[in-house]
Amino acid sequence: MCYVFTVHALEALADPTRREIVALLAGGERSAGEVADRFPVSRPAISRHLRVLREAGLVSARTDGRHRFYALDPRPLRELDNWLEPYRDLWASRLDALDTEIARGRRARTNGANP
């Protein structure tokens, strides 16, 4: 599997505003104006964010008259999910170990002992 698109998607998602745009578009297609109205930055800034997301393949755009509509394209997110799959067991085991240690600390505090 080629992870070129995965890298571009990761780069695009590094920005918190772009992550918020992706979350917004996960709820359905929106016009550029609707997207811009949700953020306290200029419309040209949102336009640049949308362009980065489009170039990374995370959103698609269509034009209807004078309006441009954007929709989430989940394919790059699926690629990221597939790429992350081998690491899930690593994190799951570490999080399980952390959960065990937290539980031990709670029991020790409840019993009046030092953790």
N, C-alpha and C. Protein backbone atom coordinates (compact mmCIF):
# COMPACT_ATOMS: atom_id res chain seq x y z
N MET A 1 0.84 -1.19 0.00
CA MET A 1 0.00 0.00 0.00
C MET A 1 0.88 1.24 0.00
N CYS A 2 0.51 2.22 -0.77
CA CYS A 2 1.25 3.47 -0.86
C CYS A 2 0.68 4.47 0.15
N TYR A 3 1.55 5.01 0.97
CA TYR A 3 1.09 5.91 2.03
C TYR A 3 1.32 7.38 1.71
N VAL A 4 1.48 7.72 0.44
CA VAL A 4 1.68 9.12 0.06
C VAL A 4 0.48 9.96 0.46
N PHE A 5 -0.73 9.46 0.18
CA PHE A 5 -1.92 10.22 0.55
C PHE A 5 -2.07 10.30 2.06
N THR A 6 -1.63 9.27 2.77
CA THR A 6 -1.69 9.27 4.22
C THR A 6 -0.84 10.40 4.78
N VAL A 7 0.36 10.58 4.22
CA VAL A 7 1.25 11.65 4.68
C VAL A 7 0.61 13.00 4.41
N HIS A 8 0.04 13.18 3.23
CA HIS A 8 -0.60 14.46 2.91
C HIS A 8 -1.80 14.71 3.83
N ALA A 9 -2.54 13.67 4.13
CA ALA A 9 -3.68 13.82 5.03
C ALA A 9 -3.20 14.20 6.43
N LEU A 10 -2.14 13.56 6.89
CA LEU A 10 -1.60 13.90 8.21
C LEU A 10 -1.12 15.35 8.25
N GLU A 11 -0.45 15.77 7.20
CA GLU A 11 0.00 17.16 7.13
C GLU A 11 -1.18 18.12 7.18
N ALA A 12 -2.22 17.80 6.43
CA ALA A 12 -3.40 18.67 6.38
C ALA A 12 -4.10 18.70 7.74
N LEU A 13 -4.15 17.56 8.42
CA LEU A 13 -4.85 17.47 9.69
C LEU A 13 -4.04 17.98 10.87
N ALA A 14 -2.80 18.38 10.62
CA ALA A 14 -1.96 18.92 11.69
C ALA A 14 -2.50 20.24 12.22
N ASP A 15 -3.26 20.94 11.41
CA ASP A 15 -3.79 22.25 11.81
C ASP A 15 -5.14 22.07 12.50
N PRO A 16 -5.33 22.67 13.68
CA PRO A 16 -6.58 22.49 14.41
C PRO A 16 -7.81 23.05 13.68
N THR A 17 -7.65 24.13 12.94
CA THR A 17 -8.78 24.67 12.18
C THR A 17 -9.22 23.69 11.11
N ARG A 18 -8.26 23.06 10.44
CA ARG A 18 -8.61 22.09 9.41
C ARG A 18 -9.28 20.85 10.03
N ARG A 19 -8.82 20.46 11.22
CA ARG A 19 -9.50 19.34 11.88
C ARG A 19 -10.94 19.70 12.21
N GLU A 20 -11.17 20.93 12.63
CA GLU A 20 -12.54 21.37 12.91
C GLU A 20 -13.39 21.41 11.64
N ILE A 21 -12.80 21.82 10.55
CA ILE A 21 -13.52 21.83 9.27
C ILE A 21 -13.90 20.41 8.88
N VAL A 22 -12.97 19.47 9.03
CA VAL A 22 -13.27 18.07 8.72
C VAL A 22 -14.42 17.57 9.60
N ALA A 23 -14.38 17.91 10.88
CA ALA A 23 -15.46 17.49 11.79
C ALA A 23 -16.79 18.11 11.36
N LEU A 24 -16.77 19.35 10.94
CA LEU A 24 -17.98 20.02 10.47
C LEU A 24 -18.53 19.34 9.22
N LEU A 25 -17.64 19.01 8.29
CA LEU A 25 -18.07 18.39 7.04
C LEU A 25 -18.47 16.93 7.23
N ALA A 26 -18.08 16.33 8.35
CA ALA A 26 -18.52 14.97 8.64
C ALA A 26 -20.04 14.94 8.82
N GLY A 27 -20.62 16.08 9.16
CA GLY A 27 -22.06 16.18 9.31
C GLY A 27 -22.79 16.40 8.01
N GLY A 28 -22.07 16.57 6.92
CA GLY A 28 -22.70 16.75 5.62
C GLY A 28 -22.09 17.90 4.84
N GLU A 29 -22.46 17.95 3.59
CA GLU A 29 -21.95 18.96 2.67
C GLU A 29 -22.32 20.37 3.15
N ARG A 30 -21.39 21.30 2.97
CA ARG A 30 -21.60 22.70 3.35
C ARG A 30 -21.03 23.61 2.27
N SER A 31 -21.64 24.77 2.15
CA SER A 31 -21.08 25.77 1.23
C SER A 31 -19.85 26.39 1.88
N ALA A 32 -19.00 26.98 1.07
CA ALA A 32 -17.80 27.63 1.59
C ALA A 32 -18.19 28.72 2.58
N GLY A 33 -19.26 29.44 2.29
CA GLY A 33 -19.73 30.49 3.19
C GLY A 33 -20.19 29.95 4.52
N GLU A 34 -20.90 28.81 4.50
CA GLU A 34 -21.34 28.18 5.75
C GLU A 34 -20.14 27.76 6.59
N VAL A 35 -19.13 27.22 5.94
CA VAL A 35 -17.92 26.82 6.66
C VAL A 35 -17.26 28.05 7.26
N ALA A 36 -17.08 29.09 6.45
CA ALA A 36 -16.40 30.30 6.91
C ALA A 36 -17.14 30.96 8.07
N ASP A 37 -18.47 30.91 8.06
CA ASP A 37 -19.25 31.55 9.12
C ASP A 37 -19.02 30.91 10.48
N ARG A 38 -18.50 29.70 10.51
CA ARG A 38 -18.29 28.98 11.77
C ARG A 38 -16.97 29.32 12.46
N PHE A 39 -16.12 30.10 11.81
CA PHE A 39 -14.78 30.34 12.33
C PHE A 39 -14.49 31.84 12.46
N PRO A 40 -13.70 32.20 13.48
CA PRO A 40 -13.39 33.62 13.71
C PRO A 40 -12.18 34.11 12.89
N VAL A 41 -12.00 33.54 11.71
CA VAL A 41 -10.91 33.97 10.83
C VAL A 41 -11.51 34.44 9.52
N SER A 42 -10.71 35.07 8.70
CA SER A 42 -11.20 35.64 7.45
C SER A 42 -11.63 34.56 6.46
N ARG A 43 -12.50 34.94 5.56
CA ARG A 43 -12.93 34.00 4.51
C ARG A 43 -11.76 33.53 3.64
N PRO A 44 -10.82 34.45 3.29
CA PRO A 44 -9.66 33.96 2.53
C PRO A 44 -8.86 32.91 3.29
N ALA A 45 -8.76 33.04 4.62
CA ALA A 45 -8.03 32.04 5.41
C ALA A 45 -8.76 30.70 5.35
N ILE A 46 -10.08 30.71 5.47
CA ILE A 46 -10.85 29.46 5.38
C ILE A 46 -10.72 28.87 3.99
N SER A 47 -10.71 29.72 2.97
CA SER A 47 -10.54 29.25 1.60
C SER A 47 -9.20 28.52 1.45
N ARG A 48 -8.15 29.06 2.07
CA ARG A 48 -6.84 28.39 2.01
C ARG A 48 -6.89 27.05 2.75
N HIS A 49 -7.55 27.00 3.90
CA HIS A 49 -7.68 25.74 4.63
C HIS A 49 -8.43 24.71 3.78
N LEU A 50 -9.51 25.14 3.14
CA LEU A 50 -10.28 24.23 2.29
C LEU A 50 -9.45 23.74 1.11
N ARG A 51 -8.63 24.61 0.56
CA ARG A 51 -7.76 24.20 -0.54
C ARG A 51 -6.76 23.13 -0.09
N VAL A 52 -6.17 23.32 1.09
CA VAL A 52 -5.22 22.33 1.62
C VAL A 52 -5.93 20.99 1.82
N LEU A 53 -7.13 21.03 2.39
CA LEU A 53 -7.90 19.80 2.60
C LEU A 53 -8.26 19.13 1.28
N ARG A 54 -8.62 19.94 0.30
CA ARG A 54 -8.96 19.41 -1.02
C ARG A 54 -7.74 18.78 -1.68
N GLU A 55 -6.60 19.44 -1.62
CA GLU A 55 -5.38 18.91 -2.22
C GLU A 55 -4.91 17.63 -1.52
N ALA A 56 -5.22 17.49 -0.24
CA ALA A 56 -4.87 16.28 0.50
C ALA A 56 -5.89 15.17 0.26
N GLY A 57 -6.96 15.49 -0.47
CA GLY A 57 -7.98 14.50 -0.78
C GLY A 57 -9.00 14.29 0.32
N LEU A 58 -8.96 15.12 1.35
CA LEU A 58 -9.88 14.96 2.48
C LEU A 58 -11.26 15.53 2.22
N VAL A 59 -11.34 16.48 1.32
CA VAL A 59 -12.65 17.04 0.95
C VAL A 59 -12.75 17.12 -0.56
N SER A 60 -13.98 17.06 -1.02
CA SER A 60 -14.23 17.27 -2.45
C SER A 60 -15.03 18.56 -2.57
N ALA A 61 -14.95 19.17 -3.74
CA ALA A 61 -15.66 20.42 -3.97
C ALA A 61 -16.48 20.32 -5.24
N ARG A 62 -17.63 20.95 -5.21
CA ARG A 62 -18.44 21.06 -6.42
C ARG A 62 -18.98 22.47 -6.48
N THR A 63 -19.20 22.93 -7.70
CA THR A 63 -19.71 24.27 -7.92
C THR A 63 -21.15 24.19 -8.39
N ASP A 64 -21.98 25.04 -7.81
CA ASP A 64 -23.38 25.15 -8.22
C ASP A 64 -23.66 26.64 -8.37
N GLY A 65 -23.65 27.09 -9.61
CA GLY A 65 -23.80 28.52 -9.84
C GLY A 65 -22.58 29.25 -9.31
N ARG A 66 -22.84 30.24 -8.46
CA ARG A 66 -21.73 31.01 -7.87
C ARG A 66 -21.26 30.42 -6.55
N HIS A 67 -21.85 29.34 -6.12
CA HIS A 67 -21.52 28.77 -4.82
C HIS A 67 -20.66 27.52 -4.97
N ARG A 68 -19.76 27.38 -4.03
CA ARG A 68 -18.91 26.20 -4.00
C ARG A 68 -19.27 25.40 -2.75
N PHE A 69 -19.49 24.11 -2.92
CA PHE A 69 -19.89 23.23 -1.82
C PHE A 69 -18.78 22.21 -1.56
N TYR A 70 -18.57 21.95 -0.29
CA TYR A 70 -17.52 21.02 0.13
C TYR A 70 -18.14 19.86 0.88
N ALA A 71 -17.56 18.68 0.67
CA ALA A 71 -18.01 17.47 1.36
C ALA A 71 -16.78 16.68 1.79
N LEU A 72 -16.91 15.98 2.88
CA LEU A 72 -15.83 15.14 3.38
C LEU A 72 -15.67 13.93 2.47
N ASP A 73 -14.43 13.60 2.15
CA ASP A 73 -14.12 12.37 1.43
C ASP A 73 -13.41 11.46 2.43
N PRO A 74 -14.04 10.40 2.90
CA PRO A 74 -13.46 9.60 3.97
C PRO A 74 -12.32 8.68 3.55
N ARG A 75 -12.03 8.56 2.28
CA ARG A 75 -10.99 7.61 1.84
C ARG A 75 -9.64 7.86 2.51
N PRO A 76 -9.12 9.09 2.54
CA PRO A 76 -7.82 9.29 3.21
C PRO A 76 -7.88 8.96 4.70
N LEU A 77 -9.04 9.16 5.33
CA LEU A 77 -9.16 8.82 6.75
C LEU A 77 -9.12 7.30 6.92
N ARG A 78 -9.72 6.56 5.98
CA ARG A 78 -9.64 5.10 6.02
C ARG A 78 -8.20 4.64 5.84
N GLU A 79 -7.48 5.31 4.93
CA GLU A 79 -6.07 4.96 4.74
C GLU A 79 -5.27 5.20 6.01
N LEU A 80 -5.54 6.32 6.69
CA LEU A 80 -4.87 6.60 7.97
C LEU A 80 -5.22 5.52 8.99
N ASP A 81 -6.47 5.16 9.04
CA ASP A 81 -6.93 4.12 9.97
C ASP A 81 -6.21 2.81 9.69
N ASN A 82 -6.09 2.44 8.42
CA ASN A 82 -5.38 1.20 8.04
C ASN A 82 -3.91 1.28 8.41
N TRP A 83 -3.32 2.45 8.23
CA TRP A 83 -1.91 2.62 8.54
C TRP A 83 -1.67 2.52 10.05
N LEU A 84 -2.60 3.01 10.85
CA LEU A 84 -2.47 3.00 12.30
C LEU A 84 -2.78 1.63 12.93
N GLU A 85 -3.46 0.77 12.21
CA GLU A 85 -3.91 -0.51 12.74
C GLU A 85 -2.82 -1.31 13.46
N PRO A 86 -1.63 -1.46 12.89
CA PRO A 86 -0.61 -2.27 13.58
C PRO A 86 -0.18 -1.69 14.93
N TYR A 87 -0.41 -0.42 15.15
CA TYR A 87 0.03 0.22 16.38
C TYR A 87 -1.03 0.19 17.48
N ARG A 88 -2.25 -0.18 17.13
CA ARG A 88 -3.34 -0.17 18.11
C ARG A 88 -3.08 -1.12 19.27
N ASP A 89 -2.58 -2.33 18.98
CA ASP A 89 -2.31 -3.29 20.05
C ASP A 89 -1.25 -2.75 21.01
N LEU A 90 -0.24 -2.08 20.46
CA LEU A 90 0.80 -1.49 21.29
C LEU A 90 0.19 -0.49 22.27
N TRP A 91 -0.62 0.42 21.75
CA TRP A 91 -1.24 1.42 22.61
C TRP A 91 -2.27 0.81 23.54
N ALA A 92 -3.01 -0.16 23.08
CA ALA A 92 -4.03 -0.79 23.92
C ALA A 92 -3.38 -1.45 25.13
N SER A 93 -2.28 -2.16 24.92
CA SER A 93 -1.62 -2.83 26.05
C SER A 93 -1.04 -1.81 27.02
N ARG A 94 -0.50 -0.72 26.50
CA ARG A 94 0.04 0.31 27.39
C ARG A 94 -1.06 1.02 28.16
N LEU A 95 -2.18 1.27 27.50
CA LEU A 95 -3.30 1.91 28.19
C LEU A 95 -3.90 0.97 29.22
N ASP A 96 -3.95 -0.34 28.94
CA ASP A 96 -4.42 -1.31 29.92
C ASP A 96 -3.52 -1.31 31.15
N ALA A 97 -2.21 -1.26 30.92
CA ALA A 97 -1.26 -1.23 32.03
C ALA A 97 -1.44 0.05 32.86
N LEU A 98 -1.65 1.16 32.20
CA LEU A 98 -1.89 2.42 32.90
C LEU A 98 -3.17 2.33 33.73
N ASP A 99 -4.21 1.76 33.16
CA ASP A 99 -5.47 1.59 33.87
C ASP A 99 -5.27 0.73 35.12
N THR A 100 -4.48 -0.31 35.01
CA THR A 100 -4.20 -1.17 36.16
C THR A 100 -3.48 -0.39 37.25
N GLU A 101 -2.49 0.40 36.87
CA GLU A 101 -1.75 1.19 37.86
C GLU A 101 -2.64 2.23 38.52
N ILE A 102 -3.52 2.86 37.77
CA ILE A 102 -4.45 3.84 38.34
C ILE A 102 -5.37 3.15 39.35
N ALA A 103 -5.88 1.98 38.98
CA ALA A 103 -6.75 1.23 39.89
C ALA A 103 -6.01 0.85 41.17
N ARG A 104 -4.75 0.43 41.07
CA ARG A 104 -3.95 0.10 42.26
C ARG A 104 -3.80 1.32 43.16
N GLY A 105 -3.53 2.46 42.55
CA GLY A 105 -3.39 3.70 43.33
C GLY A 105 -4.68 4.07 44.05
N ARG A 106 -5.79 3.89 43.39
CA ARG A 106 -7.09 4.18 44.03
C ARG A 106 -7.34 3.23 45.20
N ARG A 107 -7.08 1.95 44.98
CA ARG A 107 -7.28 0.98 46.07
C ARG A 107 -6.38 1.31 47.25
N ALA A 108 -5.14 1.69 46.97
CA ALA A 108 -4.20 2.01 48.04
C ALA A 108 -4.67 3.24 48.81
N ARG A 109 -5.17 4.24 48.13
CA ARG A 109 -5.68 5.44 48.82
C ARG A 109 -6.93 5.12 49.63
N THR A 110 -7.79 4.27 49.08
CA THR A 110 -9.00 3.88 49.79
C THR A 110 -8.67 3.10 51.06
N ASN A 111 -7.62 2.29 50.98
CA ASN A 111 -7.21 1.48 52.14
C ASN A 111 -6.29 2.25 53.08
N GLY A 112 -5.98 3.48 52.76
CA GLY A 112 -5.13 4.30 53.63
C GLY A 112 -3.65 4.06 53.47
N ALA A 113 -3.24 3.31 52.48
CA ALA A 113 -1.82 3.05 52.26
C ALA A 113 -1.28 4.03 51.23
N ASN A 114 0.04 4.17 51.21
CA ASN A 114 0.68 5.00 50.18
C ASN A 114 0.79 4.20 48.90
N PRO A 115 0.45 4.76 47.75
CA PRO A 115 0.55 4.02 46.49
C PRO A 115 1.96 3.70 46.11
